[in-house]
Amino acid sequence: QVQLVESGGGLAQAGDSLRLSCATSGRTFSSVVMGWFRQAPGKEREFVAASSRNGVKTYYGDSVKGRFTISRDNAKNTVYLQMNSLKPEDTAVYYCAAAIGGRLDTLVVLVDEYDYWGQGTQVTVSS
């Protein structure tokens, strides 16, 4: 079992920055691939970013590429999502997720391939 707790969401204006955190417990953090997803009302859950187990490889959804950065601190069992140049269309509930296994440099981008999910944190961006 892996427990995931997101924090750092809130209200922002277009152009602002926010940093989300996801603290994990229950399993050796370096053994899991970490990802961020988001879901806006009436829309499907969307891939945002993923980090390999060793943090060396990252991958981003097209809508956030160049603006968002995923990072992980394996010593603190925490993954972060730095969100810069926020836009109103970034408004959504953001979820962190963990996928067990894979090689050290494996990336996971599909919703169904993640094993554990946090409860989500709301991010609202006004224009």
C-alpha atoms as a PDB file:
ATOM      1  CA  GLN A   1       0.000   0.000   0.000  1.00  0.00           C
ATOM      2  CA  VAL A   2       1.073   3.540  -0.752  1.00  0.00           C
ATOM      3  CA  GLN A   3      -0.568   6.557   0.821  1.00  0.00           C
ATOM      4  CA  LEU A   4      -0.439   9.830  -1.080  1.00  0.00           C
ATOM      5  CA  VAL A   5      -1.359  13.256   0.272  1.00  0.00           C
ATOM      6  CA  GLU A   6      -1.344  16.306  -1.972  1.00  0.00           C
ATOM      7  CA  SER A   7      -1.019  19.895  -0.791  1.00  0.00           C
ATOM      8  CA  GLY A   8      -0.326  23.330  -2.215  1.00  0.00           C
ATOM      9  CA  GLY A   9      -3.399  23.943  -4.303  1.00  0.00           C
ATOM     10  CA  GLY A  10      -5.423  27.119  -4.117  1.00  0.00           C
ATOM     11  CA  LEU A  11      -6.425  30.238  -5.963  1.00  0.00           C
ATOM     12  CA  ALA A  12      -4.114  31.965  -8.415  1.00  0.00           C
ATOM     13  CA  GLN A  13      -4.285  34.570 -11.120  1.00  0.00           C
ATOM     14  CA  ALA A  14      -3.198  34.032 -14.690  1.00  0.00           C
ATOM     15  CA  GLY A  15       0.575  34.254 -14.888  1.00  0.00           C
ATOM     16  CA  ASP A  16       1.106  33.250 -11.258  1.00  0.00           C
ATOM     17  CA  SER A  17       2.991  30.247  -9.975  1.00  0.00           C
ATOM     18  CA  LEU A  18       2.022  27.501  -7.551  1.00  0.00           C
ATOM     19  CA  ARG A  19       3.885  24.484  -6.252  1.00  0.00           C
ATOM     20  CA  LEU A  20       2.070  21.286  -5.429  1.00  0.00           C
ATOM     21  CA  SER A  21       3.525  18.686  -3.118  1.00  0.00           C
ATOM     22  CA  CYS A  22       2.643  15.038  -2.709  1.00  0.00           C
ATOM     23  CA  ALA A  23       3.908  13.278   0.386  1.00  0.00           C
ATOM     24  CA  THR A  24       3.989   9.499   0.260  1.00  0.00           C
ATOM     25  CA  SER A  25       4.246   6.719   2.802  1.00  0.00           C
ATOM     26  CA  GLY A  26       3.917   2.984   2.989  1.00  0.00           C
ATOM     27  CA  ARG A  27       6.510   1.916   0.464  1.00  0.00           C
ATOM     28  CA  THR A  28      10.076   2.741  -0.431  1.00  0.00           C
ATOM     29  CA  PHE A  29       9.647   5.921  -2.425  1.00  0.00           C
ATOM     30  CA  SER A  30      12.420   5.137  -4.875  1.00  0.00           C
ATOM     31  CA  SER A  31      10.544   1.992  -5.923  1.00  0.00           C
ATOM     32  CA  VAL A  32       7.621   3.908  -7.435  1.00  0.00           C
ATOM     33  CA  VAL A  33       7.144   5.935 -10.578  1.00  0.00           C
ATOM     34  CA  MET A  34       5.319   9.155  -9.732  1.00  0.00           C
ATOM     35  CA  GLY A  35       2.902  11.119 -11.816  1.00  0.00           C
ATOM     36  CA  TRP A  36       0.575  14.093 -11.747  1.00  0.00           C
ATOM     37  CA  PHE A  37      -2.811  14.185 -13.391  1.00  0.00           C
ATOM     38  CA  ARG A  38      -5.621  16.696 -13.401  1.00  0.00           C
ATOM     39  CA  GLN A  39      -9.343  16.618 -13.944  1.00  0.00           C
ATOM     40  CA  ALA A  40     -11.572  19.544 -14.767  1.00  0.00           C
ATOM     41  CA  PRO A  41     -15.360  19.379 -14.339  1.00  0.00           C
ATOM     42  CA  GLY A  42     -16.966  17.336 -17.067  1.00  0.00           C
ATOM     43  CA  LYS A  43     -13.638  16.233 -18.511  1.00  0.00           C
ATOM     44  CA  GLU A  44     -11.577  13.084 -18.357  1.00  0.00           C
ATOM     45  CA  ARG A  45      -8.543  12.809 -16.146  1.00  0.00           C
ATOM     46  CA  GLU A  46      -5.580  14.247 -18.034  1.00  0.00           C
ATOM     47  CA  PHE A  47      -1.920  13.322 -17.786  1.00  0.00           C
ATOM     48  CA  VAL A  48       0.237  16.233 -16.620  1.00  0.00           C
ATOM     49  CA  ALA A  49       3.701  14.934 -15.781  1.00  0.00           C
ATOM     50  CA  ALA A  50       5.654  11.864 -14.722  1.00  0.00           C
ATOM     51  CA  SER A  51       8.970  11.230 -13.057  1.00  0.00           C
ATOM     52  CA  SER A  52      10.967   8.019 -13.245  1.00  0.00           C
ATOM     53  CA  ARG A  53      11.949   6.229 -10.071  1.00  0.00           C
ATOM     54  CA  ASN A  54      15.374   7.828 -10.012  1.00  0.00           C
ATOM     55  CA  GLY A  55      14.072  11.234 -11.074  1.00  0.00           C
ATOM     56  CA  VAL A  56      16.400  11.347 -14.058  1.00  0.00           C
ATOM     57  CA  LYS A  57      13.663  11.085 -16.654  1.00  0.00           C
ATOM     58  CA  THR A  58      10.569  13.244 -16.799  1.00  0.00           C
ATOM     59  CA  TYR A  59       7.738  13.592 -19.276  1.00  0.00           C
ATOM     60  CA  TYR A  60       5.007  16.179 -19.715  1.00  0.00           C
ATOM     61  CA  GLY A  61       1.655  16.562 -21.310  1.00  0.00           C
ATOM     62  CA  ASP A  62       1.610  18.916 -24.268  1.00  0.00           C
ATOM     63  CA  SER A  63      -0.612  21.449 -22.531  1.00  0.00           C
ATOM     64  CA  VAL A  64       1.895  22.039 -19.705  1.00  0.00           C
ATOM     65  CA  LYS A  65       5.218  21.472 -21.424  1.00  0.00           C
ATOM     66  CA  GLY A  66       7.593  24.357 -20.787  1.00  0.00           C
ATOM     67  CA  ARG A  67       5.493  25.716 -17.903  1.00  0.00           C
ATOM     68  CA  PHE A  68       5.319  22.893 -15.347  1.00  0.00           C
ATOM     69  CA  THR A  69       8.181  20.964 -13.777  1.00  0.00           C
ATOM     70  CA  ILE A  70       7.964  17.697 -11.888  1.00  0.00           C
ATOM     71  CA  SER A  71      10.645  16.820  -9.380  1.00  0.00           C
ATOM     72  CA  ARG A  72      11.070  14.350  -6.583  1.00  0.00           C
ATOM     73  CA  ASP A  73      13.031  14.188  -3.370  1.00  0.00           C
ATOM     74  CA  ASN A  74      13.556  10.538  -2.580  1.00  0.00           C
ATOM     75  CA  ALA A  75      14.978  11.430   0.826  1.00  0.00           C
ATOM     76  CA  LYS A  76      11.724  13.199   1.758  1.00  0.00           C
ATOM     77  CA  ASN A  77       9.404  10.737   0.006  1.00  0.00           C
ATOM     78  CA  THR A  78       7.835  13.667  -1.797  1.00  0.00           C
ATOM     79  CA  VAL A  79       7.111  14.621  -5.388  1.00  0.00           C
ATOM     80  CA  TYR A  80       6.512  18.203  -6.472  1.00  0.00           C
ATOM     81  CA  LEU A  81       4.838  19.950  -9.354  1.00  0.00           C
ATOM     82  CA  GLN A  82       6.062  23.474  -9.962  1.00  0.00           C
ATOM     83  CA  MET A  83       3.469  25.294 -12.053  1.00  0.00           C
ATOM     84  CA  ASN A  84       4.507  28.557 -13.685  1.00  0.00           C
ATOM     85  CA  SER A  85       2.698  30.900 -16.059  1.00  0.00           C
ATOM     86  CA  LEU A  86      -0.639  29.536 -14.952  1.00  0.00           C
ATOM     87  CA  LYS A  87      -3.611  29.882 -17.260  1.00  0.00           C
ATOM     88  CA  PRO A  88      -7.343  29.699 -16.536  1.00  0.00           C
ATOM     89  CA  GLU A  89      -7.448  26.420 -18.452  1.00  0.00           C
ATOM     90  CA  ASP A  90      -5.145  24.921 -15.817  1.00  0.00           C
ATOM     91  CA  THR A  91      -8.064  25.027 -13.388  1.00  0.00           C
ATOM     92  CA  ALA A  92      -8.715  21.473 -12.206  1.00  0.00           C
ATOM     93  CA  VAL A  93      -8.337  19.047  -9.357  1.00  0.00           C
ATOM     94  CA  TYR A  94      -4.755  17.827  -9.392  1.00  0.00           C
ATOM     95  CA  TYR A  95      -3.920  14.289  -8.358  1.00  0.00           C
ATOM     96  CA  CYS A  96      -0.613  12.621  -7.691  1.00  0.00           C
ATOM     97  CA  ALA A  97      -0.278   8.941  -8.423  1.00  0.00           C
ATOM     98  CA  ALA A  98       2.193   6.126  -7.885  1.00  0.00           C
ATOM     99  CA  ALA A  99       3.005   3.177 -10.114  1.00  0.00           C
ATOM    100  CA  ILE A 100       4.823   0.222  -8.614  1.00  0.00           C
ATOM    101  CA  GLY A 101       7.819  -1.311 -10.275  1.00  0.00           C
ATOM    102  CA  GLY A 102       9.505  -0.731 -13.576  1.00  0.00           C
ATOM    103  CA  ARG A 103      13.098   0.065 -14.218  1.00  0.00           C
ATOM    104  CA  LEU A 104      14.828   3.020 -12.641  1.00  0.00           C
ATOM    105  CA  ASP A 105      14.188   5.106 -15.759  1.00  0.00           C
ATOM    106  CA  THR A 106      10.657   3.918 -16.546  1.00  0.00           C
ATOM    107  CA  LEU A 107       7.995   6.547 -17.202  1.00  0.00           C
ATOM    108  CA  VAL A 108       4.262   5.914 -16.896  1.00  0.00           C
ATOM    109  CA  VAL A 109       1.719   8.150 -18.598  1.00  0.00           C
ATOM    110  CA  LEU A 110      -1.533   6.181 -18.703  1.00  0.00           C
ATOM    111  CA  VAL A 111      -4.128   6.548 -15.976  1.00  0.00           C
ATOM    112  CA  ASP A 112      -4.783   2.815 -15.826  1.00  0.00           C
ATOM    113  CA  GLU A 113      -1.133   1.994 -15.223  1.00  0.00           C
ATOM    114  CA  TYR A 114      -1.022   3.818 -11.900  1.00  0.00           C
ATOM    115  CA  ASP A 115      -1.698   1.794  -8.784  1.00  0.00           C
ATOM    116  CA  TYR A 116      -2.327   4.406  -6.091  1.00  0.00           C
ATOM    117  CA  TRP A 117      -3.871   7.865  -6.060  1.00  0.00           C
ATOM    118  CA  GLY A 118      -4.079  10.804  -3.729  1.00  0.00           C
ATOM    119  CA  GLN A 119      -7.300  12.558  -2.830  1.00  0.00           C
ATOM    120  CA  GLY A 120      -6.603  15.542  -5.053  1.00  0.00           C
ATOM    121  CA  THR A 121      -6.052  19.248  -4.509  1.00  0.00           C
ATOM    122  CA  GLN A 122      -8.006  22.021  -6.227  1.00  0.00           C
ATOM    123  CA  VAL A 123      -6.207  24.588  -8.347  1.00  0.00           C
ATOM    124  CA  THR A 124      -8.247  27.521  -9.594  1.00  0.00           C
ATOM    125  CA  VAL A 125      -6.763  30.103 -11.930  1.00  0.00           C
ATOM    126  CA  SER A 126      -8.632  33.306 -12.660  1.00  0.00           C
ATOM    127  CA  SER A 127      -8.075  35.529 -15.671  1.00  0.00           C
END
